[in-house]
Amino acid sequence: MTSAGPARGKTVVWIAPGAGEFSCLCEPCLERGRAAGASLLDLLRDANVRGSLALVADVGFVRCSSGHQLIIRRASRARSGARERKPQLASVRQ
């Protein structure tokens, strides 16, 4: 899951520490479509952005199909020595 928001005229998308691939929506494209009265289906199709970020990278850049630049940032990883959190969801074997 990702979250996006504008930062100094740019859209910043935050991804989970272990995520290699992401899918998000371009905020400027959404706003342009809303102003033009586009349908929800058109908004989602036109603003959809997919990509990947190497697991060793903490920041990357991608452009939507309209050319808007999105900044991809990895959420901070647990520092060494920090208490490890248990996963909220875990597979159950029967």
N, C-alpha and C. Protein backbone atom coordinates (compact mmCIF):
# COMPACT_ATOMS: atom_id res chain seq x y z
N MET A 1 0.85 -1.17 0.00
CA MET A 1 0.00 0.00 0.00
C MET A 1 0.89 1.23 0.00
N THR A 2 0.43 2.20 -0.67
CA THR A 2 1.18 3.43 -0.74
C THR A 2 0.31 4.59 -0.33
N SER A 3 1.00 5.69 0.05
CA SER A 3 0.25 6.91 0.32
C SER A 3 0.94 8.03 -0.44
N ALA A 4 0.15 8.96 -0.93
CA ALA A 4 0.72 10.04 -1.72
C ALA A 4 0.22 11.38 -1.20
N GLY A 5 1.01 12.38 -1.42
CA GLY A 5 0.62 13.72 -1.04
C GLY A 5 1.58 14.73 -1.66
N PRO A 6 1.12 15.95 -1.90
CA PRO A 6 1.98 16.94 -2.52
C PRO A 6 3.03 17.46 -1.54
N ALA A 7 4.22 17.69 -2.04
CA ALA A 7 5.29 18.27 -1.24
C ALA A 7 6.06 19.23 -2.15
N ARG A 8 5.93 20.54 -1.88
CA ARG A 8 6.61 21.55 -2.68
C ARG A 8 6.32 21.37 -4.17
N GLY A 9 5.07 21.15 -4.53
CA GLY A 9 4.70 21.03 -5.92
C GLY A 9 4.94 19.66 -6.52
N LYS A 10 5.42 18.73 -5.74
CA LYS A 10 5.68 17.37 -6.21
C LYS A 10 4.80 16.41 -5.43
N THR A 11 4.53 15.28 -6.01
CA THR A 11 3.77 14.25 -5.32
C THR A 11 4.75 13.25 -4.74
N VAL A 12 4.66 13.03 -3.43
CA VAL A 12 5.52 12.07 -2.74
C VAL A 12 4.68 10.84 -2.44
N VAL A 13 5.20 9.68 -2.82
CA VAL A 13 4.53 8.41 -2.58
C VAL A 13 5.38 7.62 -1.60
N TRP A 14 4.80 7.23 -0.49
CA TRP A 14 5.52 6.45 0.53
C TRP A 14 5.18 4.98 0.34
N ILE A 15 6.21 4.14 0.33
CA ILE A 15 6.00 2.70 0.22
C ILE A 15 6.57 2.01 1.43
N ALA A 16 6.13 0.80 1.68
CA ALA A 16 6.56 0.03 2.84
C ALA A 16 8.04 -0.33 2.74
N PRO A 17 8.70 -0.55 3.86
CA PRO A 17 10.13 -0.87 3.86
C PRO A 17 10.51 -2.06 2.98
N GLY A 18 9.67 -3.08 2.91
CA GLY A 18 10.01 -4.26 2.13
C GLY A 18 9.38 -4.33 0.76
N ALA A 19 8.74 -3.24 0.32
CA ALA A 19 8.05 -3.25 -0.98
C ALA A 19 9.04 -3.04 -2.12
N GLY A 20 8.92 -3.84 -3.16
CA GLY A 20 9.75 -3.67 -4.34
C GLY A 20 8.97 -3.03 -5.47
N GLU A 21 7.67 -3.26 -5.51
CA GLU A 21 6.81 -2.71 -6.54
C GLU A 21 5.72 -1.86 -5.89
N PHE A 22 5.19 -0.93 -6.65
CA PHE A 22 4.14 -0.06 -6.11
C PHE A 22 3.14 0.29 -7.20
N SER A 23 1.98 0.71 -6.77
CA SER A 23 0.93 1.22 -7.63
C SER A 23 0.29 2.37 -6.88
N CYS A 24 0.12 3.50 -7.54
CA CYS A 24 -0.45 4.67 -6.87
C CYS A 24 -1.20 5.51 -7.90
N LEU A 25 -1.73 6.62 -7.46
CA LEU A 25 -2.44 7.55 -8.33
C LEU A 25 -1.70 8.88 -8.34
N CYS A 26 -1.60 9.49 -9.51
CA CYS A 26 -0.95 10.79 -9.66
C CYS A 26 -1.94 11.87 -9.23
N GLU A 27 -1.60 12.61 -8.19
CA GLU A 27 -2.49 13.65 -7.66
C GLU A 27 -2.80 14.74 -8.68
N PRO A 28 -1.80 15.27 -9.41
CA PRO A 28 -2.14 16.30 -10.41
C PRO A 28 -3.10 15.79 -11.49
N CYS A 29 -2.94 14.55 -11.90
CA CYS A 29 -3.85 13.98 -12.91
C CYS A 29 -5.26 13.83 -12.35
N LEU A 30 -5.36 13.43 -11.09
CA LEU A 30 -6.67 13.32 -10.45
C LEU A 30 -7.36 14.68 -10.39
N GLU A 31 -6.62 15.70 -9.98
CA GLU A 31 -7.20 17.05 -9.88
C GLU A 31 -7.63 17.57 -11.25
N ARG A 32 -6.80 17.35 -12.27
CA ARG A 32 -7.14 17.80 -13.61
C ARG A 32 -8.41 17.09 -14.10
N GLY A 33 -8.51 15.78 -13.85
CA GLY A 33 -9.68 15.02 -14.26
C GLY A 33 -10.94 15.44 -13.51
N ARG A 34 -10.80 15.70 -12.21
CA ARG A 34 -11.95 16.16 -11.42
C ARG A 34 -12.47 17.49 -11.96
N ALA A 35 -11.54 18.39 -12.25
CA ALA A 35 -11.93 19.71 -12.76
C ALA A 35 -12.62 19.60 -14.12
N ALA A 36 -12.23 18.59 -14.90
CA ALA A 36 -12.83 18.40 -16.22
C ALA A 36 -14.13 17.59 -16.16
N GLY A 37 -14.48 17.09 -14.96
CA GLY A 37 -15.71 16.33 -14.81
C GLY A 37 -15.60 14.89 -15.28
N ALA A 38 -14.40 14.32 -15.26
CA ALA A 38 -14.19 12.94 -15.71
C ALA A 38 -14.88 11.96 -14.77
N SER A 39 -15.25 10.82 -15.31
CA SER A 39 -15.87 9.77 -14.50
C SER A 39 -14.81 9.13 -13.59
N LEU A 40 -15.26 8.46 -12.56
CA LEU A 40 -14.33 7.80 -11.64
C LEU A 40 -13.47 6.79 -12.37
N LEU A 41 -14.07 6.04 -13.28
CA LEU A 41 -13.33 5.04 -14.05
C LEU A 41 -12.22 5.71 -14.87
N ASP A 42 -12.55 6.82 -15.52
CA ASP A 42 -11.54 7.55 -16.30
C ASP A 42 -10.44 8.11 -15.40
N LEU A 43 -10.83 8.64 -14.24
CA LEU A 43 -9.84 9.17 -13.29
C LEU A 43 -8.85 8.09 -12.88
N LEU A 44 -9.37 6.93 -12.50
CA LEU A 44 -8.50 5.85 -12.05
C LEU A 44 -7.60 5.34 -13.17
N ARG A 45 -8.14 5.23 -14.36
CA ARG A 45 -7.35 4.74 -15.49
C ARG A 45 -6.26 5.74 -15.86
N ASP A 46 -6.60 7.00 -15.94
CA ASP A 46 -5.65 8.01 -16.40
C ASP A 46 -4.60 8.39 -15.36
N ALA A 47 -4.91 8.26 -14.08
CA ALA A 47 -3.97 8.68 -13.03
C ALA A 47 -3.15 7.53 -12.46
N ASN A 48 -3.39 6.32 -12.92
CA ASN A 48 -2.69 5.15 -12.38
C ASN A 48 -1.21 5.15 -12.76
N VAL A 49 -0.36 4.91 -11.76
CA VAL A 49 1.09 4.85 -11.97
C VAL A 49 1.59 3.58 -11.29
N ARG A 50 2.39 2.81 -11.99
CA ARG A 50 3.00 1.59 -11.42
C ARG A 50 4.49 1.66 -11.64
N GLY A 51 5.22 1.02 -10.74
CA GLY A 51 6.67 1.01 -10.89
C GLY A 51 7.31 0.11 -9.85
N SER A 52 8.61 0.20 -9.80
CA SER A 52 9.36 -0.58 -8.81
C SER A 52 10.49 0.27 -8.25
N LEU A 53 10.94 -0.11 -7.08
CA LEU A 53 12.05 0.55 -6.41
C LEU A 53 12.92 -0.55 -5.82
N ALA A 54 14.20 -0.55 -6.16
CA ALA A 54 15.11 -1.56 -5.65
C ALA A 54 15.06 -1.58 -4.13
N LEU A 55 15.12 -2.76 -3.55
CA LEU A 55 15.02 -2.89 -2.10
C LEU A 55 16.12 -2.16 -1.35
N VAL A 56 17.25 -1.92 -1.99
CA VAL A 56 18.36 -1.21 -1.33
C VAL A 56 18.21 0.30 -1.45
N ALA A 57 17.27 0.78 -2.27
CA ALA A 57 17.06 2.21 -2.47
C ALA A 57 16.01 2.75 -1.50
N ASP A 58 16.21 3.97 -1.06
CA ASP A 58 15.25 4.63 -0.18
C ASP A 58 14.44 5.71 -0.89
N VAL A 59 14.87 6.11 -2.08
CA VAL A 59 14.16 7.14 -2.84
C VAL A 59 14.33 6.86 -4.34
N GLY A 60 13.31 7.19 -5.09
CA GLY A 60 13.35 7.04 -6.54
C GLY A 60 12.38 8.01 -7.16
N PHE A 61 12.38 8.06 -8.48
CA PHE A 61 11.51 8.98 -9.21
C PHE A 61 10.83 8.24 -10.34
N VAL A 62 9.60 8.62 -10.64
CA VAL A 62 8.85 8.04 -11.74
C VAL A 62 7.96 9.14 -12.30
N ARG A 63 7.62 9.03 -13.57
CA ARG A 63 6.71 9.98 -14.20
C ARG A 63 5.43 9.26 -14.61
N CYS A 64 4.32 9.95 -14.46
CA CYS A 64 3.04 9.39 -14.91
C CYS A 64 2.97 9.53 -16.42
N SER A 65 1.91 9.02 -17.02
CA SER A 65 1.77 9.09 -18.47
C SER A 65 1.63 10.52 -18.99
N SER A 66 1.26 11.47 -18.11
CA SER A 66 1.15 12.88 -18.51
C SER A 66 2.45 13.65 -18.27
N GLY A 67 3.43 12.99 -17.65
CA GLY A 67 4.73 13.62 -17.43
C GLY A 67 4.96 14.22 -16.06
N HIS A 68 3.99 14.09 -15.14
CA HIS A 68 4.20 14.60 -13.79
C HIS A 68 5.20 13.72 -13.06
N GLN A 69 6.14 14.35 -12.36
CA GLN A 69 7.13 13.59 -11.62
C GLN A 69 6.61 13.25 -10.23
N LEU A 70 6.74 11.97 -9.86
CA LEU A 70 6.38 11.50 -8.52
C LEU A 70 7.66 11.05 -7.83
N ILE A 71 7.79 11.40 -6.57
CA ILE A 71 8.93 10.99 -5.77
C ILE A 71 8.50 9.77 -4.97
N ILE A 72 9.25 8.70 -5.11
CA ILE A 72 8.96 7.46 -4.38
C ILE A 72 9.91 7.38 -3.20
N ARG A 73 9.36 7.31 -2.00
CA ARG A 73 10.19 7.24 -0.79
C ARG A 73 9.82 5.99 0.00
N ARG A 74 10.83 5.32 0.48
CA ARG A 74 10.61 4.14 1.30
C ARG A 74 10.46 4.58 2.75
N ALA A 75 9.42 4.07 3.41
CA ALA A 75 9.23 4.37 4.83
C ALA A 75 10.45 3.87 5.59
N SER A 76 10.78 4.54 6.68
CA SER A 76 12.00 4.19 7.41
C SER A 76 11.96 2.75 7.89
N ARG A 77 13.12 2.15 7.82
CA ARG A 77 13.28 0.77 8.27
C ARG A 77 13.63 0.79 9.74
N ALA A 78 13.35 -0.30 10.41
CA ALA A 78 13.69 -0.40 11.83
C ALA A 78 15.20 -0.29 12.00
N ARG A 79 15.63 0.52 12.95
CA ARG A 79 17.06 0.65 13.20
C ARG A 79 17.57 -0.58 13.93
N SER A 80 18.84 -0.91 13.72
CA SER A 80 19.41 -2.06 14.42
C SER A 80 19.34 -1.80 15.92
N GLY A 81 19.00 -2.79 16.65
CA GLY A 81 18.84 -2.65 18.09
C GLY A 81 17.44 -2.23 18.49
N ALA A 82 16.66 -1.79 17.52
CA ALA A 82 15.28 -1.40 17.81
C ALA A 82 14.44 -2.66 18.02
N ARG A 83 13.41 -2.52 18.80
CA ARG A 83 12.54 -3.66 19.06
C ARG A 83 11.84 -4.07 17.78
N GLU A 84 11.90 -5.35 17.47
CA GLU A 84 11.28 -5.86 16.25
C GLU A 84 9.79 -6.02 16.48
N ARG A 85 8.99 -5.55 15.54
CA ARG A 85 7.54 -5.69 15.63
C ARG A 85 7.11 -7.00 15.02
N LYS A 86 6.10 -7.60 15.62
CA LYS A 86 5.52 -8.81 15.05
C LYS A 86 4.59 -8.41 13.93
N PRO A 87 4.50 -9.21 12.88
CA PRO A 87 3.60 -8.87 11.78
C PRO A 87 2.15 -8.84 12.25
N GLN A 88 1.39 -7.91 11.68
CA GLN A 88 -0.02 -7.82 12.05
C GLN A 88 -0.83 -8.95 11.43
N LEU A 89 -0.41 -9.36 10.25
CA LEU A 89 -1.08 -10.45 9.57
C LEU A 89 -0.05 -11.57 9.35
N ALA A 90 -0.45 -12.77 9.62
CA ALA A 90 0.45 -13.89 9.40
C ALA A 90 -0.34 -15.04 8.80
N SER A 91 0.32 -15.81 7.97
CA SER A 91 -0.35 -16.96 7.38
C SER A 91 -0.52 -18.05 8.44
N VAL A 92 -1.59 -18.77 8.34
CA VAL A 92 -1.88 -19.83 9.29
C VAL A 92 -1.86 -21.16 8.54
N ARG A 93 -1.04 -22.06 9.01
CA ARG A 93 -0.98 -23.37 8.37
C ARG A 93 -1.81 -24.36 9.18
N GLN A 94 -2.55 -25.18 8.46
CA GLN A 94 -3.39 -26.16 9.13
C GLN A 94 -2.91 -27.54 8.85
